[in-house]
């Protein structure tokens, strides 16, 4: 086999909104049955790894929480050894990952060590104001990902990147660390955790600026799947230059096995 480990995106590859992408799921099952290690990495921090494992199981993919990395989990791993207090803009999945990593999640202290920003459908002005206050007092600015938008139920809605932009506009500061794709730290983490060399890794996703850019940043092969946000006539495909472009993972079987 050319590849020993596949890094697979969720939104746009396994499902699209509330609809599953059956051809891709069947291909992923085939890869797993033939001994290829498949892990899932998503920039969405709103759910915990356990919730994603349950959702993957419901569509026929049997994986453990060790094989699912959310951007929230990556933030937690990054901060785990440092410890400290964090003010968080985000949803339950992000809060749970940080607490499980031993971070103290607080909401009303004079000072904190980190401001952690993730996707938050319940964002308020007070949350933004508090984040700005803490960053101006010296807190590290940590973000789960930089996606400015994402599709939900057929509509494009503001993503974590839009929240980051609002905070940066006031503080004049960019995040000190952005956990999600395309951060090269992810590949270093995967190489260490799974004991695999990057020339045996293939990144599979539907977004050029995150999935494919991660491969460009780390010299890892990439596969653009046209079941999500990127369409075949997108001129940026020739800019990002994925290693492979397939209409679905059914077309990838001979390339991977």
C-alpha atoms as a PDB file:
ATOM      1  CA  UNK A   1       0.000   0.000   0.000  1.00  0.00           C
ATOM      2  CA  UNK A   2       1.254   3.452  -0.860  1.00  0.00           C
ATOM      3  CA  UNK A   3      -0.321   5.022   2.250  1.00  0.00           C
ATOM      4  CA  UNK A   4      -0.450   3.671   5.793  1.00  0.00           C
ATOM      5  CA  UNK A   5      -2.579   6.431   7.329  1.00  0.00           C
ATOM      6  CA  UNK A   6      -5.388   8.593   5.984  1.00  0.00           C
ATOM      7  CA  UNK A   7      -6.298  11.910   7.602  1.00  0.00           C
ATOM      8  CA  UNK A   8      -9.949  12.407   6.669  1.00  0.00           C
ATOM      9  CA  UNK A   9     -12.125  15.487   7.071  1.00  0.00           C
ATOM     10  CA  UNK A  10     -15.734  15.052   8.235  1.00  0.00           C
ATOM     11  CA  UNK A  11     -17.905  17.854   6.827  1.00  0.00           C
ATOM     12  CA  UNK A  12     -17.981  17.465   3.061  1.00  0.00           C
ATOM     13  CA  UNK A  13     -16.418  13.998   3.083  1.00  0.00           C
ATOM     14  CA  UNK A  14     -18.391  11.779   5.477  1.00  0.00           C
ATOM     15  CA  UNK A  15     -21.480  13.946   5.607  1.00  0.00           C
ATOM     16  CA  UNK A  16     -22.752  17.217   4.248  1.00  0.00           C
ATOM     17  CA  UNK A  17     -25.029  18.869   6.786  1.00  0.00           C
ATOM     18  CA  UNK A  18     -27.543  16.227   7.811  1.00  0.00           C
ATOM     19  CA  UNK A  19     -26.957  14.065   4.731  1.00  0.00           C
ATOM     20  CA  UNK A  20     -24.401  11.268   4.710  1.00  0.00           C
ATOM     21  CA  UNK A  21     -22.170  10.721   1.665  1.00  0.00           C
ATOM     22  CA  UNK A  22     -22.642   6.993   1.114  1.00  0.00           C
ATOM     23  CA  UNK A  23     -19.995   6.411  -1.606  1.00  0.00           C
ATOM     24  CA  UNK A  24     -17.288   7.948   0.581  1.00  0.00           C
ATOM     25  CA  UNK A  25     -18.359   5.976   3.654  1.00  0.00           C
ATOM     26  CA  UNK A  26     -18.277   2.674   1.768  1.00  0.00           C
ATOM     27  CA  UNK A  27     -14.794   3.462   0.440  1.00  0.00           C
ATOM     28  CA  UNK A  28     -13.545   4.366   3.933  1.00  0.00           C
ATOM     29  CA  UNK A  29     -14.886   1.043   5.244  1.00  0.00           C
ATOM     30  CA  UNK A  30     -12.975  -0.751   2.493  1.00  0.00           C
ATOM     31  CA  UNK A  31      -9.745   1.058   3.355  1.00  0.00           C
ATOM     32  CA  UNK A  32     -10.139   0.190   7.044  1.00  0.00           C
ATOM     33  CA  UNK A  33     -10.956  -3.456   6.256  1.00  0.00           C
ATOM     34  CA  UNK A  34      -7.732  -3.664   4.231  1.00  0.00           C
ATOM     35  CA  UNK A  35      -5.512  -2.447   7.059  1.00  0.00           C
ATOM     36  CA  UNK A  36      -5.231   1.251   6.260  1.00  0.00           C
ATOM     37  CA  UNK A  37      -5.344   3.380   9.400  1.00  0.00           C
ATOM     38  CA  UNK A  38      -8.052   6.041   9.102  1.00  0.00           C
ATOM     39  CA  UNK A  39      -8.264   8.995  11.477  1.00  0.00           C
ATOM     40  CA  UNK A  40     -10.686  11.881  11.308  1.00  0.00           C
ATOM     41  CA  UNK A  41      -9.685  15.497  11.900  1.00  0.00           C
ATOM     42  CA  UNK A  42     -12.206  18.322  11.944  1.00  0.00           C
ATOM     43  CA  UNK A  43     -11.874  22.057  12.491  1.00  0.00           C
ATOM     44  CA  UNK A  44     -15.301  22.040  14.147  1.00  0.00           C
ATOM     45  CA  UNK A  45     -14.866  22.324  17.928  1.00  0.00           C
ATOM     46  CA  UNK A  46     -18.539  22.383  18.916  1.00  0.00           C
ATOM     47  CA  UNK A  47     -18.773  18.624  19.568  1.00  0.00           C
ATOM     48  CA  UNK A  48     -16.586  16.407  21.710  1.00  0.00           C
ATOM     49  CA  UNK A  49     -14.658  13.460  20.275  1.00  0.00           C
ATOM     50  CA  UNK A  50     -17.120  11.082  21.958  1.00  0.00           C
ATOM     51  CA  UNK A  51     -20.021  12.736  20.146  1.00  0.00           C
ATOM     52  CA  UNK A  52     -18.233  12.418  16.813  1.00  0.00           C
ATOM     53  CA  UNK A  53     -17.441   8.752  17.512  1.00  0.00           C
ATOM     54  CA  UNK A  54     -21.140   8.117  18.151  1.00  0.00           C
ATOM     55  CA  UNK A  55     -22.123   9.928  14.951  1.00  0.00           C
ATOM     56  CA  UNK A  56     -19.531   8.011  12.909  1.00  0.00           C
ATOM     57  CA  UNK A  57     -20.780   4.727  14.379  1.00  0.00           C
ATOM     58  CA  UNK A  58     -24.334   5.666  13.387  1.00  0.00           C
ATOM     59  CA  UNK A  59     -23.260   5.911   9.720  1.00  0.00           C
ATOM     60  CA  UNK A  60     -21.365   2.612   9.822  1.00  0.00           C
ATOM     61  CA  UNK A  61     -17.812   3.677  10.705  1.00  0.00           C
ATOM     62  CA  UNK A  62     -16.558   1.981  13.857  1.00  0.00           C
ATOM     63  CA  UNK A  63     -13.749   4.068  15.372  1.00  0.00           C
ATOM     64  CA  UNK A  64     -12.536   4.997  18.844  1.00  0.00           C
ATOM     65  CA  UNK A  65     -12.155   8.486  20.269  1.00  0.00           C
ATOM     66  CA  UNK A  66      -8.391   8.084  19.787  1.00  0.00           C
ATOM     67  CA  UNK A  67      -9.017   8.196  16.036  1.00  0.00           C
ATOM     68  CA  UNK A  68     -10.975  11.462  16.072  1.00  0.00           C
ATOM     69  CA  UNK A  69      -9.188  14.779  16.527  1.00  0.00           C
ATOM     70  CA  UNK A  70     -11.237  17.938  16.823  1.00  0.00           C
ATOM     71  CA  UNK A  71      -9.666  21.374  16.801  1.00  0.00           C
ATOM     72  CA  UNK A  72     -10.850  21.643  20.416  1.00  0.00           C
ATOM     73  CA  UNK A  73      -8.931  18.502  21.349  1.00  0.00           C
ATOM     74  CA  UNK A  74      -5.816  19.816  19.576  1.00  0.00           C
ATOM     75  CA  UNK A  75      -6.018  23.054  21.606  1.00  0.00           C
ATOM     76  CA  UNK A  76      -6.358  20.984  24.775  1.00  0.00           C
ATOM     77  CA  UNK A  77      -3.313  18.872  23.873  1.00  0.00           C
ATOM     78  CA  UNK A  78      -1.321  22.005  23.092  1.00  0.00           C
ATOM     79  CA  UNK A  79      -2.175  23.610  26.458  1.00  0.00           C
ATOM     80  CA  UNK A  80      -2.179  20.472  28.621  1.00  0.00           C
ATOM     81  CA  UNK A  81       1.420  20.652  29.793  1.00  0.00           C
ATOM     82  CA  UNK A  82       1.256  24.393  30.293  1.00  0.00           C
ATOM     83  CA  UNK A  83      -1.818  24.319  32.538  1.00  0.00           C
ATOM     84  CA  UNK A  84      -3.510  27.465  33.774  1.00  0.00           C
ATOM     85  CA  UNK A  85      -6.782  29.350  33.548  1.00  0.00           C
ATOM     86  CA  UNK A  86      -8.732  29.906  30.339  1.00  0.00           C
ATOM     87  CA  UNK A  87     -11.616  32.119  29.322  1.00  0.00           C
ATOM     88  CA  UNK A  88     -13.477  30.327  26.532  1.00  0.00           C
ATOM     89  CA  UNK A  89     -15.687  31.427  23.670  1.00  0.00           C
ATOM     90  CA  UNK A  90     -17.118  28.200  22.324  1.00  0.00           C
ATOM     91  CA  UNK A  91     -19.570  25.383  22.840  1.00  0.00           C
ATOM     92  CA  UNK A  92     -19.764  22.297  25.044  1.00  0.00           C
ATOM     93  CA  UNK A  93     -17.334  20.184  23.003  1.00  0.00           C
ATOM     94  CA  UNK A  94     -14.530  22.702  23.452  1.00  0.00           C
ATOM     95  CA  UNK A  95     -15.259  23.243  27.153  1.00  0.00           C
ATOM     96  CA  UNK A  96     -15.214  19.469  27.776  1.00  0.00           C
ATOM     97  CA  UNK A  97     -11.891  18.918  25.999  1.00  0.00           C
ATOM     98  CA  UNK A  98     -10.193  21.716  27.941  1.00  0.00           C
ATOM     99  CA  UNK A  99     -11.547  20.555  31.292  1.00  0.00           C
ATOM    100  CA  UNK A 100     -10.537  16.949  30.561  1.00  0.00           C
ATOM    101  CA  UNK A 101      -6.998  18.202  29.832  1.00  0.00           C
ATOM    102  CA  UNK A 102      -6.820  19.779  33.299  1.00  0.00           C
ATOM    103  CA  UNK A 103      -7.334  23.416  32.302  1.00  0.00           C
ATOM    104  CA  UNK A 104      -9.337  25.662  34.611  1.00  0.00           C
ATOM    105  CA  UNK A 105     -12.164  27.182  32.592  1.00  0.00           C
ATOM    106  CA  UNK A 106     -13.275  30.451  34.207  1.00  0.00           C
ATOM    107  CA  UNK A 107     -15.620  33.290  33.331  1.00  0.00           C
ATOM    108  CA  UNK A 108     -15.095  36.156  35.751  1.00  0.00           C
ATOM    109  CA  UNK A 109     -11.585  36.489  37.155  1.00  0.00           C
ATOM    110  CA  UNK A 110      -9.416  39.634  37.015  1.00  0.00           C
ATOM    111  CA  UNK A 111      -6.858  37.846  34.834  1.00  0.00           C
ATOM    112  CA  UNK A 112      -6.478  34.578  32.896  1.00  0.00           C
ATOM    113  CA  UNK A 113      -3.627  32.805  31.105  1.00  0.00           C
ATOM    114  CA  UNK A 114      -5.480  32.147  27.845  1.00  0.00           C
ATOM    115  CA  UNK A 115      -8.426  33.305  25.819  1.00  0.00           C
ATOM    116  CA  UNK A 116      -9.557  30.286  23.780  1.00  0.00           C
ATOM    117  CA  UNK A 117     -11.863  31.026  20.846  1.00  0.00           C
ATOM    118  CA  UNK A 118     -13.886  28.413  18.984  1.00  0.00           C
ATOM    119  CA  UNK A 119     -17.134  28.161  17.066  1.00  0.00           C
ATOM    120  CA  UNK A 120     -19.953  29.627  19.151  1.00  0.00           C
ATOM    121  CA  UNK A 121     -23.561  29.858  17.968  1.00  0.00           C
ATOM    122  CA  UNK A 122     -24.433  31.608  21.242  1.00  0.00           C
ATOM    123  CA  UNK A 123     -21.879  34.403  20.956  1.00  0.00           C
ATOM    124  CA  UNK A 124     -22.710  37.593  22.860  1.00  0.00           C
ATOM    125  CA  UNK A 125     -21.285  41.088  22.990  1.00  0.00           C
ATOM    126  CA  UNK A 126     -20.268  40.492  26.619  1.00  0.00           C
ATOM    127  CA  UNK A 127     -18.214  37.438  25.618  1.00  0.00           C
ATOM    128  CA  UNK A 128     -16.375  39.458  22.983  1.00  0.00           C
ATOM    129  CA  UNK A 129     -15.776  42.318  25.415  1.00  0.00           C
ATOM    130  CA  UNK A 130     -14.397  39.952  28.063  1.00  0.00           C
ATOM    131  CA  UNK A 131     -12.080  38.283  25.547  1.00  0.00           C
ATOM    132  CA  UNK A 132     -10.739  41.661  24.464  1.00  0.00           C
ATOM    133  CA  UNK A 133     -10.203  42.710  28.080  1.00  0.00           C
ATOM    134  CA  UNK A 134      -8.204  39.579  28.934  1.00  0.00           C
ATOM    135  CA  UNK A 135      -6.048  39.730  25.793  1.00  0.00           C
ATOM    136  CA  UNK A 136      -5.205  43.377  26.437  1.00  0.00           C
ATOM    137  CA  UNK A 137      -4.160  42.324  29.954  1.00  0.00           C
ATOM    138  CA  UNK A 138      -1.694  39.841  28.485  1.00  0.00           C
ATOM    139  CA  UNK A 139      -3.594  36.573  28.033  1.00  0.00           C
ATOM    140  CA  UNK A 140      -2.427  34.372  25.166  1.00  0.00           C
ATOM    141  CA  UNK A 141      -4.879  34.415  22.258  1.00  0.00           C
ATOM    142  CA  UNK A 142      -5.624  30.807  21.237  1.00  0.00           C
ATOM    143  CA  UNK A 143      -8.031  29.762  18.472  1.00  0.00           C
ATOM    144  CA  UNK A 144      -9.391  26.392  17.415  1.00  0.00           C
ATOM    145  CA  UNK A 145      -9.386  27.271  13.706  1.00  0.00           C
ATOM    146  CA  UNK A 146      -9.520  30.189  11.305  1.00  0.00           C
ATOM    147  CA  UNK A 147     -12.426  29.193   9.029  1.00  0.00           C
ATOM    148  CA  UNK A 148     -14.365  32.423   8.483  1.00  0.00           C
ATOM    149  CA  UNK A 149     -17.533  30.575   7.459  1.00  0.00           C
ATOM    150  CA  UNK A 150     -19.099  27.132   7.346  1.00  0.00           C
ATOM    151  CA  UNK A 151     -22.209  25.557   5.779  1.00  0.00           C
ATOM    152  CA  UNK A 152     -25.073  24.640   8.119  1.00  0.00           C
ATOM    153  CA  UNK A 153     -28.323  23.272   6.692  1.00  0.00           C
ATOM    154  CA  UNK A 154     -27.574  24.681   3.266  1.00  0.00           C
ATOM    155  CA  UNK A 155     -26.691  28.159   4.507  1.00  0.00           C
ATOM    156  CA  UNK A 156     -23.307  29.830   4.936  1.00  0.00           C
ATOM    157  CA  UNK A 157     -22.880  31.099   8.501  1.00  0.00           C
ATOM    158  CA  UNK A 158     -20.048  32.932  10.316  1.00  0.00           C
ATOM    159  CA  UNK A 159     -17.316  30.638  11.607  1.00  0.00           C
ATOM    160  CA  UNK A 160     -14.571  30.920  14.207  1.00  0.00           C
ATOM    161  CA  UNK A 161     -12.494  33.096  11.894  1.00  0.00           C
ATOM    162  CA  UNK A 162     -15.188  35.760  11.971  1.00  0.00           C
ATOM    163  CA  UNK A 163     -15.040  35.835  15.782  1.00  0.00           C
ATOM    164  CA  UNK A 164     -11.244  36.025  15.657  1.00  0.00           C
ATOM    165  CA  UNK A 165     -11.475  38.959  13.230  1.00  0.00           C
ATOM    166  CA  UNK A 166     -13.728  40.896  15.608  1.00  0.00           C
ATOM    167  CA  UNK A 167     -11.355  40.385  18.543  1.00  0.00           C
ATOM    168  CA  UNK A 168      -8.277  41.174  16.445  1.00  0.00           C
ATOM    169  CA  UNK A 169      -9.877  44.364  15.140  1.00  0.00           C
ATOM    170  CA  UNK A 170     -10.143  45.699  18.701  1.00  0.00           C
ATOM    171  CA  UNK A 171      -6.942  44.326  20.249  1.00  0.00           C
ATOM    172  CA  UNK A 172      -4.691  44.681  17.202  1.00  0.00           C
ATOM    173  CA  UNK A 173      -3.458  41.151  17.910  1.00  0.00           C
ATOM    174  CA  UNK A 174      -3.621  37.959  15.893  1.00  0.00           C
ATOM    175  CA  UNK A 175      -3.938  34.570  17.623  1.00  0.00           C
ATOM    176  CA  UNK A 176      -0.739  33.230  19.183  1.00  0.00           C
ATOM    177  CA  UNK A 177      -1.758  29.701  18.159  1.00  0.00           C
ATOM    178  CA  UNK A 178      -4.412  28.399  15.761  1.00  0.00           C
ATOM    179  CA  UNK A 179      -4.947  24.692  16.349  1.00  0.00           C
ATOM    180  CA  UNK A 180      -6.886  23.475  13.349  1.00  0.00           C
ATOM    181  CA  UNK A 181      -5.969  22.744   9.771  1.00  0.00           C
ATOM    182  CA  UNK A 182      -3.730  23.949   8.096  1.00  0.00           C
ATOM    183  CA  UNK A 183      -1.438  24.222  11.165  1.00  0.00           C
ATOM    184  CA  UNK A 184       1.671  22.026  10.543  1.00  0.00           C
ATOM    185  CA  UNK A 185       1.648  21.089  14.256  1.00  0.00           C
ATOM    186  CA  UNK A 186      -1.123  18.598  13.398  1.00  0.00           C
ATOM    187  CA  UNK A 187       1.174  16.488  11.210  1.00  0.00           C
ATOM    188  CA  UNK A 188       3.931  16.504  13.844  1.00  0.00           C
ATOM    189  CA  UNK A 189       1.356  15.329  16.388  1.00  0.00           C
ATOM    190  CA  UNK A 190       0.042  12.573  14.092  1.00  0.00           C
ATOM    191  CA  UNK A 191       3.550  11.342  13.227  1.00  0.00           C
ATOM    192  CA  UNK A 192       4.399  11.045  16.916  1.00  0.00           C
ATOM    193  CA  UNK A 193       1.130   9.540  18.057  1.00  0.00           C
ATOM    194  CA  UNK A 194       0.747   6.963  15.271  1.00  0.00           C
ATOM    195  CA  UNK A 195       4.448   6.274  14.588  1.00  0.00           C
ATOM    196  CA  UNK A 196       4.124   6.894  10.866  1.00  0.00           C
ATOM    197  CA  UNK A 197       6.307   8.882   8.487  1.00  0.00           C
ATOM    198  CA  UNK A 198       4.632  11.736   6.640  1.00  0.00           C
ATOM    199  CA  UNK A 199       5.457  10.212   3.250  1.00  0.00           C
ATOM    200  CA  UNK A 200       3.014   7.423   4.172  1.00  0.00           C
ATOM    201  CA  UNK A 201       0.199   9.853   5.071  1.00  0.00           C
ATOM    202  CA  UNK A 202      -2.575  11.060   2.745  1.00  0.00           C
ATOM    203  CA  UNK A 203      -4.808  14.009   3.683  1.00  0.00           C
ATOM    204  CA  UNK A 204      -8.366  13.759   2.324  1.00  0.00           C
ATOM    205  CA  UNK A 205     -10.745  16.702   2.381  1.00  0.00           C
ATOM    206  CA  UNK A 206     -13.052  19.020   0.470  1.00  0.00           C
ATOM    207  CA  UNK A 207     -11.536  22.417   1.346  1.00  0.00           C
ATOM    208  CA  UNK A 208      -8.554  23.882  -0.435  1.00  0.00           C
ATOM    209  CA  UNK A 209      -7.620  26.453   2.209  1.00  0.00           C
ATOM    210  CA  UNK A 210      -7.569  23.987   5.119  1.00  0.00           C
ATOM    211  CA  UNK A 211      -7.238  20.344   4.044  1.00  0.00           C
ATOM    212  CA  UNK A 212      -5.108  20.841   0.946  1.00  0.00           C
ATOM    213  CA  UNK A 213      -3.147  23.735   2.455  1.00  0.00           C
ATOM    214  CA  UNK A 214      -2.196  21.464   5.383  1.00  0.00           C
ATOM    215  CA  UNK A 215      -0.537  19.135   2.897  1.00  0.00           C
ATOM    216  CA  UNK A 216       1.243  22.021   1.153  1.00  0.00           C
ATOM    217  CA  UNK A 217       2.507  23.290   4.517  1.00  0.00           C
ATOM    218  CA  UNK A 218       3.951  19.907   5.486  1.00  0.00           C
ATOM    219  CA  UNK A 219       4.896  18.222   2.176  1.00  0.00           C
ATOM    220  CA  UNK A 220       2.184  15.562   2.661  1.00  0.00           C
ATOM    221  CA  UNK A 221       0.159  14.150  -0.254  1.00  0.00           C
ATOM    222  CA  UNK A 222      -3.411  15.423  -0.542  1.00  0.00           C
ATOM    223  CA  UNK A 223      -6.678  14.307  -2.107  1.00  0.00           C
ATOM    224  CA  UNK A 224      -9.410  16.813  -2.915  1.00  0.00           C
ATOM    225  CA  UNK A 225     -12.851  15.200  -2.847  1.00  0.00           C
ATOM    226  CA  UNK A 226     -15.514  17.038  -4.815  1.00  0.00           C
ATOM    227  CA  UNK A 227     -18.362  16.069  -2.498  1.00  0.00           C
ATOM    228  CA  UNK A 228     -18.176  19.215  -0.378  1.00  0.00           C
ATOM    229  CA  UNK A 229     -17.573  22.929  -0.840  1.00  0.00           C
ATOM    230  CA  UNK A 230     -15.054  22.804  -3.720  1.00  0.00           C
ATOM    231  CA  UNK A 231     -16.336  22.192  -7.252  1.00  0.00           C
ATOM    232  CA  UNK A 232     -14.405  20.920 -10.282  1.00  0.00           C
ATOM    233  CA  UNK A 233     -14.458  24.328 -12.022  1.00  0.00           C
ATOM    234  CA  UNK A 234     -12.911  26.180  -9.085  1.00  0.00           C
ATOM    235  CA  UNK A 235      -9.858  27.998 -10.500  1.00  0.00           C
ATOM    236  CA  UNK A 236      -8.082  27.769  -7.123  1.00  0.00           C
ATOM    237  CA  UNK A 237      -7.586  24.024  -7.636  1.00  0.00           C
ATOM    238  CA  UNK A 238      -4.714  24.920  -9.980  1.00  0.00           C
ATOM    239  CA  UNK A 239      -3.286  27.231  -7.327  1.00  0.00           C
ATOM    240  CA  UNK A 240      -3.342  24.751  -4.425  1.00  0.00           C
ATOM    241  CA  UNK A 241      -2.486  21.755  -6.670  1.00  0.00           C
ATOM    242  CA  UNK A 242      -3.745  18.760  -4.658  1.00  0.00           C
ATOM    243  CA  UNK A 243      -1.953  15.490  -5.415  1.00  0.00           C
ATOM    244  CA  UNK A 244      -5.247  13.905  -6.490  1.00  0.00           C
ATOM    245  CA  UNK A 245      -8.706  15.217  -7.356  1.00  0.00           C
ATOM    246  CA  UNK A 246     -11.614  12.746  -7.240  1.00  0.00           C
ATOM    247  CA  UNK A 247     -15.371  13.088  -7.585  1.00  0.00           C
ATOM    248  CA  UNK A 248     -15.835  10.670  -4.683  1.00  0.00           C
ATOM    249  CA  UNK A 249     -13.670   8.272  -2.694  1.00  0.00           C
ATOM    250  CA  UNK A 250     -14.960   5.449  -4.861  1.00  0.00           C
ATOM    251  CA  UNK A 251     -12.514   6.767  -7.467  1.00  0.00           C
ATOM    252  CA  UNK A 252      -9.702   6.644  -4.896  1.00  0.00           C
ATOM    253  CA  UNK A 253      -9.796   2.910  -4.178  1.00  0.00           C
ATOM    254  CA  UNK A 254      -7.146   1.978  -6.755  1.00  0.00           C
ATOM    255  CA  UNK A 255      -4.997   4.938  -5.715  1.00  0.00           C
ATOM    256  CA  UNK A 256      -4.902   3.901  -2.053  1.00  0.00           C
ATOM    257  CA  UNK A 257      -5.136   0.097  -1.969  1.00  0.00           C
END
